[in-house]
Structures are given as structure tokens and as C-alpha cells.
Protein backbone atom coordinates (compact mmCIF):
# COMPACT_ATOMS: atom_id res chain seq x y z
CA UNK A 1 7.34 -75.26 -103.15
CA UNK A 2 6.36 -72.10 -100.74
CA UNK A 3 4.61 -72.81 -97.54
CA UNK A 4 1.22 -71.21 -98.29
CA UNK A 5 0.71 -73.44 -101.45
CA UNK A 6 1.47 -76.37 -99.75
CA UNK A 7 -0.82 -75.40 -96.77
CA UNK A 8 -3.02 -74.84 -99.49
CA UNK A 9 -3.59 -77.40 -101.27
CA UNK A 10 -3.80 -79.37 -97.99
CA UNK A 11 -6.77 -76.83 -96.37
CA UNK A 12 -8.72 -77.50 -100.17
CA UNK A 13 -8.36 -81.47 -99.52
CA UNK A 14 -10.18 -80.45 -95.87
CA UNK A 15 -12.92 -78.22 -97.35
CA UNK A 16 -13.53 -80.28 -100.59
CA UNK A 17 -13.24 -77.09 -102.89
CA UNK A 18 -11.00 -74.20 -103.60
CA UNK A 19 -9.83 -71.63 -100.68
CA UNK A 20 -12.58 -69.33 -100.72
CA UNK A 21 -9.56 -66.23 -99.06
CA UNK A 22 -6.14 -65.77 -99.77
CA UNK A 23 -3.52 -67.34 -97.75
CA UNK A 24 -0.44 -66.01 -96.14
CA UNK A 25 2.11 -68.55 -95.02
CA UNK A 26 4.82 -67.64 -92.13
CA UNK A 27 7.88 -67.69 -95.35
CA UNK A 28 5.65 -64.21 -96.70
CA UNK A 29 4.17 -66.56 -99.58
CA UNK A 30 0.66 -66.37 -101.04
CA UNK A 31 -2.11 -68.93 -102.24
CA UNK A 32 -5.68 -68.34 -103.27
CA UNK A 33 -7.74 -66.72 -104.94
CA UNK A 34 -6.12 -63.77 -107.48
CA UNK A 35 -6.28 -60.26 -106.51
CA UNK A 36 -5.49 -58.31 -103.66
CA UNK A 37 -8.72 -57.54 -102.55
CA UNK A 38 -10.56 -59.21 -99.49
CA UNK A 39 -9.28 -61.14 -96.33
CA UNK A 40 -6.67 -62.96 -96.13
CA UNK A 41 -6.05 -65.94 -93.65
CA UNK A 42 -2.43 -65.69 -92.20
CA UNK A 43 -0.89 -68.28 -90.63
CA UNK A 44 1.99 -66.33 -88.67
CA UNK A 45 3.75 -69.08 -87.44
CA UNK A 46 4.26 -73.51 -87.83
CA UNK A 47 3.07 -73.81 -84.54
CA UNK A 48 -0.53 -73.54 -85.61
CA UNK A 49 -0.01 -76.62 -87.53
CA UNK A 50 1.01 -78.04 -85.01
CA UNK A 51 -1.39 -77.21 -82.98
CA UNK A 52 -3.87 -78.75 -85.75
CA UNK A 53 -1.86 -81.87 -85.80
CA UNK A 54 -2.79 -82.81 -82.44
CA UNK A 55 -5.95 -81.48 -82.10
CA UNK A 56 -7.72 -81.42 -85.67
CA UNK A 57 -10.25 -79.26 -86.19
CA UNK A 58 -12.32 -76.64 -84.33
CA UNK A 59 -10.20 -76.62 -80.93
CA UNK A 60 -6.95 -76.63 -82.89
CA UNK A 61 -8.06 -73.43 -85.57
CA UNK A 62 -8.99 -71.91 -82.04
CA UNK A 63 -5.75 -72.59 -80.00
CA UNK A 64 -3.96 -71.33 -82.91
CA UNK A 65 -6.06 -68.12 -83.11
CA UNK A 66 -5.79 -67.05 -79.38
CA UNK A 67 -2.28 -67.59 -79.49
CA UNK A 68 -1.70 -65.13 -82.38
CA UNK A 69 -0.46 -67.73 -84.95
CA UNK A 70 -3.51 -67.44 -87.03
CA UNK A 71 -4.93 -64.06 -88.12
CA UNK A 72 -7.49 -62.62 -90.69
CA UNK A 73 -6.07 -59.07 -92.27
CA UNK A 74 -9.11 -57.21 -93.78
CA UNK A 75 -13.11 -58.28 -93.23
CA UNK A 76 -13.09 -61.12 -90.36
CA UNK A 77 -17.10 -61.41 -91.04
CA UNK A 78 -16.58 -62.06 -95.00
CA UNK A 79 -13.51 -64.34 -93.94
CA UNK A 80 -15.73 -66.54 -91.41
CA UNK A 81 -18.36 -66.48 -93.88
CA UNK A 82 -16.48 -67.90 -96.84
CA UNK A 83 -14.69 -70.01 -94.90
CA UNK A 84 -17.97 -71.56 -92.76
CA UNK A 85 -20.23 -71.72 -95.96
CA UNK A 86 -17.51 -73.97 -97.16
CA UNK A 87 -16.86 -76.15 -94.61
CA UNK A 88 -20.30 -76.69 -94.04
CA UNK A 89 -20.98 -78.43 -97.17
CA UNK A 90 -17.21 -80.30 -97.02
CA UNK A 91 -17.90 -84.30 -97.82
CA UNK A 92 -16.61 -86.16 -94.76
CA UNK A 93 -12.89 -87.53 -95.48
CA UNK A 94 -12.07 -91.52 -95.59
CA UNK A 95 -9.88 -92.70 -92.67
CA UNK A 96 -6.89 -93.37 -95.38
CA UNK A 97 -7.14 -89.63 -96.55
CA UNK A 98 -6.92 -88.45 -93.49
CA UNK A 99 -3.77 -90.39 -92.56
CA UNK A 100 -2.77 -89.01 -95.55
CA UNK A 101 -3.37 -85.52 -94.45
CA UNK A 102 -1.51 -85.95 -91.07
CA UNK A 103 1.71 -87.13 -92.85
CA UNK A 104 1.43 -84.01 -95.43
CA UNK A 105 1.30 -81.71 -92.22
CA UNK A 106 3.88 -83.03 -90.53
CA UNK A 107 6.39 -82.59 -93.83
CA UNK A 108 5.38 -79.25 -93.69
CA UNK A 109 6.11 -78.31 -89.89
CA UNK A 110 9.33 -79.31 -91.06
CA UNK A 111 11.95 -80.04 -88.68
CA UNK A 112 10.78 -79.63 -85.77
CA UNK A 113 9.59 -82.12 -83.73
CA UNK A 114 5.96 -82.35 -83.94
CA UNK A 115 4.88 -82.61 -80.36
CA UNK A 116 2.13 -81.13 -78.71
CA UNK A 117 1.90 -77.90 -77.58
CA UNK A 118 0.48 -76.25 -74.46
CA UNK A 119 -3.06 -74.72 -74.96
CA UNK A 120 -3.01 -71.12 -74.60
CA UNK A 121 -3.63 -69.75 -70.77
CA UNK A 122 -7.09 -68.27 -71.93
CA UNK A 123 -8.35 -71.79 -72.30
CA UNK A 124 -10.20 -73.98 -69.30
CA UNK A 125 -7.62 -76.57 -68.04
CA UNK A 126 -9.19 -78.40 -65.04
CA UNK A 127 -12.93 -78.75 -64.33
CA UNK A 128 -13.88 -79.93 -61.19
CA UNK A 129 -17.22 -81.97 -60.49
CA UNK A 130 -20.23 -83.42 -62.40
CA UNK A 131 -21.20 -80.85 -65.18
CA UNK A 132 -23.40 -78.32 -64.08
CA UNK A 133 -23.10 -79.21 -59.96
CA UNK A 134 -23.36 -76.28 -58.20
CA UNK A 135 -19.46 -75.92 -57.78
CA UNK A 136 -18.61 -76.46 -61.62
CA UNK A 137 -21.34 -73.91 -62.36
CA UNK A 138 -19.46 -71.35 -60.20
CA UNK A 139 -16.41 -71.91 -61.71
CA UNK A 140 -17.34 -71.67 -65.46
CA UNK A 141 -19.23 -68.67 -64.48
CA UNK A 142 -16.11 -67.14 -63.18
CA UNK A 143 -14.28 -67.96 -66.38
CA UNK A 144 -16.62 -66.16 -68.48
CA UNK A 145 -17.62 -63.02 -66.23
CA UNK A 146 -14.89 -62.69 -63.94
CA UNK A 147 -12.67 -61.29 -66.50
CA UNK A 148 -12.84 -57.40 -65.37
CA UNK A 149 -15.45 -55.59 -65.43
CA UNK A 150 -13.50 -52.68 -66.92
CA UNK A 151 -13.21 -54.91 -69.87
CA UNK A 152 -16.91 -55.56 -69.87
CA UNK A 153 -17.61 -51.90 -69.88
CA UNK A 154 -15.62 -51.39 -72.65
CA UNK A 155 -17.17 -53.84 -75.03
CA UNK A 156 -20.94 -53.58 -73.78
CA UNK A 157 -21.36 -50.13 -73.33
CA UNK A 158 -22.36 -47.88 -70.46
CA UNK A 159 -25.76 -49.97 -70.36
CA UNK A 160 -23.89 -52.75 -68.88
CA UNK A 161 -26.33 -55.12 -70.68
CA UNK A 162 -24.89 -58.70 -72.10
CA UNK A 163 -27.88 -59.74 -73.92
CA UNK A 164 -29.68 -59.35 -77.09
CA UNK A 165 -30.72 -55.43 -77.32
CA UNK A 166 -34.03 -54.63 -79.39
CA UNK A 167 -33.61 -52.70 -82.03
CA UNK A 168 -36.04 -50.39 -83.62
CA UNK A 169 -34.51 -49.62 -86.52
CA UNK A 170 -30.74 -50.46 -87.90
CA UNK A 171 -29.93 -46.67 -87.00
CA UNK A 172 -31.22 -47.25 -83.31
CA UNK A 173 -27.76 -46.77 -80.94
CA UNK A 174 -26.96 -49.86 -78.78
CA UNK A 175 -28.34 -47.80 -75.42
CA UNK A 176 -31.40 -47.03 -76.80
CA UNK A 177 -31.83 -50.67 -78.18
CA UNK A 178 -30.72 -52.34 -74.60
CA UNK A 179 -33.34 -49.85 -72.69
CA UNK A 180 -35.88 -50.84 -75.02
CA UNK A 181 -35.07 -54.22 -74.31
CA UNK A 182 -35.52 -53.77 -70.39
CA UNK A 183 -38.33 -52.17 -70.75
CA UNK A 184 -40.32 -54.62 -72.99
CA UNK A 185 -39.39 -57.20 -70.61
CA UNK A 186 -41.12 -55.49 -67.90
CA UNK A 187 -43.91 -54.95 -69.54
CA UNK A 188 -44.19 -58.30 -70.61
CA UNK A 189 -44.26 -58.93 -67.29
CA UNK A 190 -46.74 -55.97 -65.93
CA UNK A 191 -45.10 -55.09 -63.05
CA UNK A 192 -46.49 -52.82 -60.68
CA UNK A 193 -45.39 -50.93 -57.85
CA UNK A 194 -44.91 -52.66 -54.82
CA UNK A 195 -44.88 -56.17 -56.63
CA UNK A 196 -41.71 -58.81 -56.00
CA UNK A 197 -39.08 -59.75 -58.94
CA UNK A 198 -36.57 -62.24 -59.27
CA UNK A 199 -33.59 -61.67 -61.64
CA UNK A 200 -32.25 -64.66 -62.56
CA UNK A 201 -28.87 -64.10 -63.63
CA UNK A 202 -29.13 -60.86 -62.87
CA UNK A 203 -25.66 -59.81 -64.33
CA UNK A 204 -24.56 -56.11 -63.91
CA UNK A 205 -27.35 -54.96 -62.83
CA UNK A 206 -29.57 -53.55 -65.49
CA UNK A 207 -32.38 -55.07 -64.91
CA UNK A 208 -32.62 -55.03 -61.98
CA UNK A 209 -32.02 -51.10 -61.64
CA UNK A 210 -34.53 -50.28 -64.54
CA UNK A 211 -37.37 -52.32 -63.00
CA UNK A 212 -37.06 -50.61 -59.41
CA UNK A 213 -36.57 -47.00 -60.90
CA UNK A 214 -39.04 -46.97 -63.69
CA UNK A 215 -41.94 -49.31 -62.47
CA UNK A 216 -41.45 -48.99 -58.48
CA UNK A 217 -40.54 -52.97 -57.85
CA UNK A 218 -38.78 -54.23 -55.21
CA UNK A 219 -35.97 -56.55 -56.58
CA UNK A 220 -33.78 -59.88 -55.81
CA UNK A 221 -31.12 -60.10 -58.56
CA UNK A 222 -29.25 -63.58 -57.95
CA UNK A 223 -25.63 -64.26 -60.33
CA UNK A 224 -22.71 -66.59 -59.00
CA UNK A 225 -20.09 -63.85 -60.13
CA UNK A 226 -18.33 -61.92 -57.68
CA UNK A 227 -17.72 -59.36 -59.34
CA UNK A 228 -20.79 -58.70 -61.31
CA UNK A 229 -22.09 -59.03 -57.76
CA UNK A 230 -20.08 -55.85 -56.61
CA UNK A 231 -20.56 -54.06 -59.18
CA UNK A 232 -24.66 -54.35 -59.62
CA UNK A 233 -24.45 -53.26 -56.02
CA UNK A 234 -22.50 -50.32 -56.35
CA UNK A 235 -25.01 -49.32 -59.20
CA UNK A 236 -28.23 -49.53 -57.01
CA UNK A 237 -26.59 -47.20 -54.29
CA UNK A 238 -25.33 -44.77 -56.53
CA UNK A 239 -29.17 -44.85 -58.07
CA UNK A 240 -30.08 -44.31 -54.57
CA UNK A 241 -32.46 -47.74 -55.17
CA UNK A 242 -30.37 -49.94 -52.17
CA UNK A 243 -33.80 -50.18 -50.40
CA UNK A 244 -35.55 -51.97 -53.20
CA UNK A 245 -32.49 -53.70 -55.23
CA UNK A 246 -30.83 -56.50 -53.31
CA UNK A 247 -28.22 -58.50 -55.11
CA UNK A 248 -26.91 -61.89 -53.68
CA UNK A 249 -24.37 -64.24 -54.84
CA UNK A 250 -26.60 -67.40 -55.43
CA UNK A 251 -27.68 -70.10 -57.70
CA UNK A 252 -31.17 -70.16 -58.72
CA UNK A 253 -31.05 -73.47 -56.97
CA UNK A 254 -30.41 -72.29 -53.36
CA UNK A 255 -32.90 -69.50 -54.03
CA UNK A 256 -35.57 -70.34 -51.14
CA UNK A 257 -37.37 -66.82 -50.78
CA UNK A 258 -40.22 -66.69 -52.58
CA UNK A 259 -43.25 -66.67 -53.87
CA UNK A 260 -42.33 -63.46 -56.79
CA UNK A 261 -44.62 -61.82 -58.56
CA UNK A 262 -42.60 -61.96 -61.50
CA UNK A 263 -39.16 -63.79 -62.70
CA UNK A 264 -36.79 -62.31 -65.57
CA UNK A 265 -33.94 -64.99 -66.80
CA UNK A 266 -32.36 -62.92 -69.44
CA UNK A 267 -29.04 -64.51 -71.29
CA UNK A 268 -29.16 -66.97 -68.10
CA UNK A 269 -30.90 -69.89 -68.95
CA UNK A 270 -28.18 -71.35 -71.62
CA UNK A 271 -25.79 -71.92 -68.59
CA UNK A 272 -28.06 -74.11 -67.26
CA UNK A 273 -27.70 -77.48 -69.75
CA UNK A 274 -30.00 -80.05 -70.89
CA UNK A 275 -29.47 -82.31 -67.72
CA UNK A 276 -30.62 -79.44 -65.28
CA UNK A 277 -33.38 -77.68 -67.05
CA UNK A 278 -36.15 -79.73 -66.16
CA UNK A 279 -35.05 -78.78 -62.54
CA UNK A 280 -34.93 -75.18 -63.42
CA UNK A 281 -38.17 -74.78 -64.77
CA UNK A 282 -39.59 -76.12 -61.76
CA UNK A 283 -37.75 -74.31 -58.86
CA UNK A 284 -39.10 -71.14 -60.76
CA UNK A 285 -41.92 -72.24 -60.89
CA UNK A 286 -42.83 -73.09 -57.42
CA UNK A 287 -40.64 -69.53 -56.91
CA UNK A 288 -43.79 -67.72 -58.30
CA UNK A 289 -46.90 -66.61 -56.81
CA UNK A 290 -50.07 -68.54 -58.81
CA UNK A 291 -50.81 -65.71 -61.77
CA UNK A 292 -47.07 -64.68 -61.69
CA UNK A 293 -45.23 -64.65 -65.14
CA UNK A 294 -41.95 -65.22 -66.25
CA UNK A 295 -39.84 -64.08 -69.03
CA UNK A 296 -37.18 -66.30 -69.99
CA UNK A 297 -35.20 -64.35 -72.76
CA UNK A 298 -32.65 -67.83 -74.05
CA UNK A 299 -30.49 -68.12 -77.13
CA UNK A 300 -32.03 -71.47 -79.22
CA UNK A 301 -30.40 -73.76 -81.57
CA UNK A 302 -32.05 -75.59 -84.47
CA UNK A 303 -33.53 -78.91 -83.78
CA UNK A 304 -31.19 -81.99 -85.01
CA UNK A 305 -31.79 -85.23 -86.73
CA UNK A 306 -30.51 -87.31 -84.10
CA UNK A 307 -30.60 -85.11 -80.33
CA UNK A 308 -28.22 -87.28 -79.22
CA UNK A 309 -25.39 -85.97 -81.57
CA UNK A 310 -25.19 -82.84 -80.36
CA UNK A 311 -22.37 -81.90 -78.62
CA UNK A 312 -20.97 -78.63 -76.91
CA UNK A 313 -19.06 -76.04 -79.48
CA UNK A 314 -15.68 -77.08 -78.64
CA UNK A 315 -14.04 -73.41 -79.03
CA UNK A 316 -17.06 -71.80 -77.10
CA UNK A 317 -16.84 -74.98 -74.35
CA UNK A 318 -13.44 -74.08 -74.06
CA UNK A 319 -12.85 -70.61 -74.37
CA UNK A 320 -15.84 -68.57 -73.96
CA UNK A 321 -18.76 -70.79 -71.78
CA UNK A 322 -17.38 -73.68 -70.58
CA UNK A 323 -20.31 -76.23 -70.29
CA UNK A 324 -22.55 -74.22 -71.95
CA UNK A 325 -25.49 -75.55 -74.07
CA UNK A 326 -28.21 -74.51 -76.50
CA UNK A 327 -31.60 -76.08 -77.21
CA UNK A 328 -34.06 -75.58 -79.45
CA UNK A 329 -37.07 -73.26 -78.57
CA UNK A 330 -39.76 -75.98 -78.72
CA UNK A 331 -37.62 -78.33 -76.41
CA UNK A 332 -37.76 -75.14 -73.68
CA UNK A 333 -41.22 -74.57 -74.39
CA UNK A 334 -42.07 -78.38 -73.50
CA UNK A 335 -39.56 -78.15 -70.51
CA UNK A 336 -41.36 -75.03 -69.43
CA UNK A 337 -45.09 -76.74 -69.66
CA UNK A 338 -43.95 -80.29 -67.91
CA UNK A 339 -42.79 -77.89 -64.86
CA UNK A 340 -46.78 -76.35 -64.82
CA UNK A 341 -46.51 -72.91 -66.97
CA UNK A 342 -48.80 -72.23 -69.11
CA UNK A 343 -46.75 -70.77 -72.53
CA UNK A 344 -48.67 -67.30 -73.33
CA UNK A 345 -46.15 -65.82 -76.12
CA UNK A 346 -42.79 -66.66 -77.97
CA UNK A 347 -40.97 -63.73 -79.91
CA UNK A 348 -38.12 -64.31 -82.01
CA UNK A 349 -35.09 -61.60 -81.81
CA UNK A 350 -32.46 -63.45 -83.88
CA UNK A 351 -31.87 -60.49 -86.02
CA UNK A 352 -31.46 -58.60 -83.20
CA UNK A 353 -28.54 -59.95 -81.64
CA UNK A 354 -26.74 -60.01 -85.28
CA UNK A 355 -27.35 -55.95 -84.57
CA UNK A 356 -26.54 -56.11 -81.15
CA UNK A 357 -22.90 -58.32 -81.95
CA UNK A 358 -22.19 -56.12 -84.46
CA UNK A 359 -22.06 -53.52 -82.04
CA UNK A 360 -20.06 -55.24 -79.31
CA UNK A 361 -17.60 -56.21 -82.18
CA UNK A 362 -17.11 -52.45 -83.15
CA UNK A 363 -16.57 -51.40 -79.40
CA UNK A 364 -13.31 -53.87 -78.96
CA UNK A 365 -12.22 -53.34 -81.67
CA UNK A 366 -12.02 -49.71 -80.96
CA UNK A 367 -10.61 -49.82 -77.88
CA UNK A 368 -8.38 -52.72 -78.48
CA UNK A 369 -5.06 -51.75 -77.34
CA UNK A 370 -7.17 -51.27 -73.52
CA UNK A 371 -8.85 -54.51 -74.12
CA UNK A 372 -5.46 -56.08 -74.20
CA UNK A 373 -3.93 -54.02 -71.36
CA UNK A 374 -7.47 -54.92 -69.30
CA UNK A 375 -7.29 -58.30 -70.43
CA UNK A 376 -4.53 -60.31 -72.41
CA UNK A 377 -4.25 -60.64 -76.33
CA UNK A 378 -5.39 -63.86 -76.11
CA UNK A 379 -8.68 -63.05 -74.39
CA UNK A 380 -9.21 -59.83 -76.43
CA UNK A 381 -8.96 -62.36 -79.82
CA UNK A 382 -11.21 -64.87 -77.74
CA UNK A 383 -14.00 -62.27 -77.94
CA UNK A 384 -13.60 -60.72 -80.91
CA UNK A 385 -13.72 -64.08 -82.89
CA UNK A 386 -16.47 -65.59 -80.58
CA UNK A 387 -18.54 -62.68 -80.96
CA UNK A 388 -17.93 -62.12 -85.00
CA UNK A 389 -18.65 -65.45 -85.61
CA UNK A 390 -22.25 -65.15 -83.55
CA UNK A 391 -23.36 -62.11 -85.23
CA UNK A 392 -22.83 -64.21 -88.46
CA UNK A 393 -24.79 -67.35 -86.93
CA UNK A 394 -27.61 -65.18 -85.92
CA UNK A 395 -27.68 -63.30 -89.12
CA UNK A 396 -27.22 -67.14 -91.21
CA UNK A 397 -30.06 -69.07 -89.19
CA UNK A 398 -28.11 -71.30 -87.79
CA UNK A 399 -29.13 -70.03 -84.05
CA UNK A 400 -31.84 -67.43 -82.71
CA UNK A 401 -32.98 -66.13 -79.37
CA UNK A 402 -36.65 -65.97 -77.91
CA UNK A 403 -38.44 -64.18 -75.70
CA UNK A 404 -41.28 -66.76 -73.86
CA UNK A 405 -43.71 -65.22 -71.56
CA UNK A 406 -45.61 -68.22 -69.06
CA UNK A 407 -47.71 -67.97 -66.59
CA UNK A 408 -48.12 -69.90 -63.38
CA UNK A 409 -51.75 -70.45 -63.77
CA UNK A 410 -54.03 -70.14 -60.86
CA UNK A 411 -56.54 -72.98 -60.32
CA UNK A 412 -59.46 -71.14 -61.67
CA UNK A 413 -57.58 -70.46 -64.88
CA UNK A 414 -57.32 -66.53 -65.25
CA UNK A 415 -53.89 -65.42 -66.64
CA UNK A 416 -54.58 -61.91 -66.21
CA UNK A 417 -52.97 -61.51 -69.95
CA UNK A 418 -55.06 -58.98 -71.92
CA UNK A 419 -57.41 -60.24 -74.49
CA UNK A 420 -55.38 -59.41 -77.59
CA UNK A 421 -51.63 -60.85 -77.33
CA UNK A 422 -48.73 -58.25 -77.94
CA UNK A 423 -50.46 -55.46 -75.85
CA UNK A 424 -47.61 -54.85 -74.18
CA UNK A 425 -45.69 -53.58 -77.56
CA UNK A 426 -46.84 -50.12 -76.18
CA UNK A 427 -46.44 -48.83 -72.56
CA UNK A 428 -49.62 -47.56 -70.96
CA UNK A 429 -49.53 -43.92 -70.18
């Protein structure tokens, strides 16, 4: 029997239903839905099956994808959507069925001794120290961000903003949408000339530069990435803002020169971790003056029935954001309140992140050859899969992203916010 038909039968056992896409195996055989249109799942080499044998599930699939042994021809979004939709409804396999599946997989692998293969070099290998210790967090940030500023310029575009943009319409350009997001944050924080802003997880300096240039504030931006810090300092120098923008390689736990009038934390809190989040919230509270505002822009997951069963996504943990954790937006708001903040507004931007990610994928695919040259084929494949899958997750409501505006309330309770919420939507003349 051709390899594709044998493999399709195994996949259908796992998925609990018919294969939703065409399948092409290493011997050129095909199986699956009839017809020539639609995406094709390509298993280029038997090594992909060896990886699945020893790492069943998402991590084995991820390793095969990163190594180029597994691929998709055609619309990647459509293939992922079909496969994940069916996988989400799959019934659990009984132990006996799992054993039989493993035996069939060994037979399909063939005469090669099915020993474990080393993971692709893009995978996080050794992690030193306790989770979310200063040392381990620095290593995790370096893995994700220190892969070359030129690569990030190719993916993110000139704005160099690595977080959800805010689109006026679906025709809004990525640059316009990112500028709109930065300005929205500034308006929510009610920034005024001469104030002091702390930008936690400042990335390549886009928020710091926008706030200093457009609102006249003095900004301290902190990041754990040496490459980001060097890039941000150079940008501030070119803009003539070096006297108003200070970029530090520093952890939020090491920042002690408050008070600040406002704090922005955009796409950083996902790195903090559940065990450290109360410390993070309390630390930011202590760095704000009374009446000062915090804008926390953070990806959120749906609540689990059993929160104790939550585990970090294996692919994201091994290849994208090591040790990154997501929390429900209600949990985040509760921890901020426990630290002493008054939560005044929460805005959901889920659909905006899906649009942002699709733009980033388009940039990556358009510059694929250059992306591979700047990093590696494996790294480029990691990013394409991670961003496309994330776009679908936002579109289908499996994850979201929210801006929470919180205030450190003064003793008299005056929040200094407008009586009508959302008054910051229109910038004051």
C-alpha cells in the first residue's frame, strides 16, 4: 500500500475523523479528499514520523515542521484551520489504541532503526535556574529577541512595533495602525510635557520615541535584550531625543528610580509568569506616583475549567517564547487590583491582533529568501507557523488581547480621569 494511504489511516485514527486536507508522502503518493484544489500536507521524509514516535503530539509535529520534514503547499491558514478544528473535537485515544498506533508507526517508518533524532537547533535546549528567575528570564528574552534586528525589520516593517496594532478599517496600513496604537496608549495615559514615563519591555524604542516626540515626556525604557537596547538608543539619537529617552538593559525588578507619572507595559507581561505576576503588579504600583496611570497591553487566554491543568503550549515554549504564560483577562485585572490599582477601563483588541499578524506573515513570505539568509530556514519556518497559527487563534476567539487602564489612587480618591469613559479616543486639539 502506498505510504500516503497508510499514513492517512493513522492520522484519521488520531483525529477521529476523515483527513480534512490532501496528504502527500515521501514516495510521491497522495491520499485524502479528492480534487486538486485546497492545501496539501506534505510529509517530505520518514524522519518526521520518527519525531512523532518519540514526541507524540504538538512538539513532535513542531520539530518536523522546523526541520523541513513536514510542510504545507497552498493556503497555510486554511490547512491549519481545518486540522486544528478537527483535532479540537478528537476523542481521547485509549491506551491500547495508542500502543497499536505506535506499532503501526514503527512499521511505516521502515527498516531504519527508529531512534530519537536530535531536535532542530532552533529549539530551546537547556534552561538554567528556576523558572522566571532573573537569569532564566534574560536567557528566554535573548532567545526570542536577539535573532537580528534586520530580521525583525523585515517582519515588523519600519515601525518596529512588536505588538497588536489598532486598525481604523481593514484597509488601514500596518504603519498607520501601529502609529494609531502608540498614540492611543499615550492618550489613555494622559501624557503631558515634562512628565516621566516608564516603558516596561520597551522593545526597539517605538513607544518611547513616540511619547517623547509627540507629547514631550521624558522616558525610561527597559528591556532585557541587548540588541533591542542598542537599536532603540540609535533611533533616539537619530531623532534628536537622546536627552529625553533613556534606554536601559534592566529587569522591572531592578528598576528603583520612581516615582513615574505613567507606566506603559505593551506586550511584555506575557513573559512575567503566573508565579511572578503579583510581584510585577506590586512593583509597578510602587513605581507610580499617586494618581499615576498604568496601561497594561497583554495577550489573554480563555479561562480553563481546571486552572491547575493549564500548561504552556509546547511549540511556543520550545521555539518562540520560552516560559511565556497567558492568563485570563479577569485574572490579570484581579492581580492588579490586589496590588492596589483601581482598574478603570479594559478594551479588547482581539480582531486587531489577527489583522496585525496576517500583515507580519505577508511581510515574512514576501521576503522569505532574505529572512532565511538573516537567520536560518528553521527560524523562518518557526515564525511563519507561529504567526499564522496565532492569527487564527485570535480570529477564532481562542486567545485575545486587552488594554487595561489602571490608576494608583490617591488618598482622596481623585482619579483625574474624565467623567465619560473613552474620552481619550479623540485626541485633544
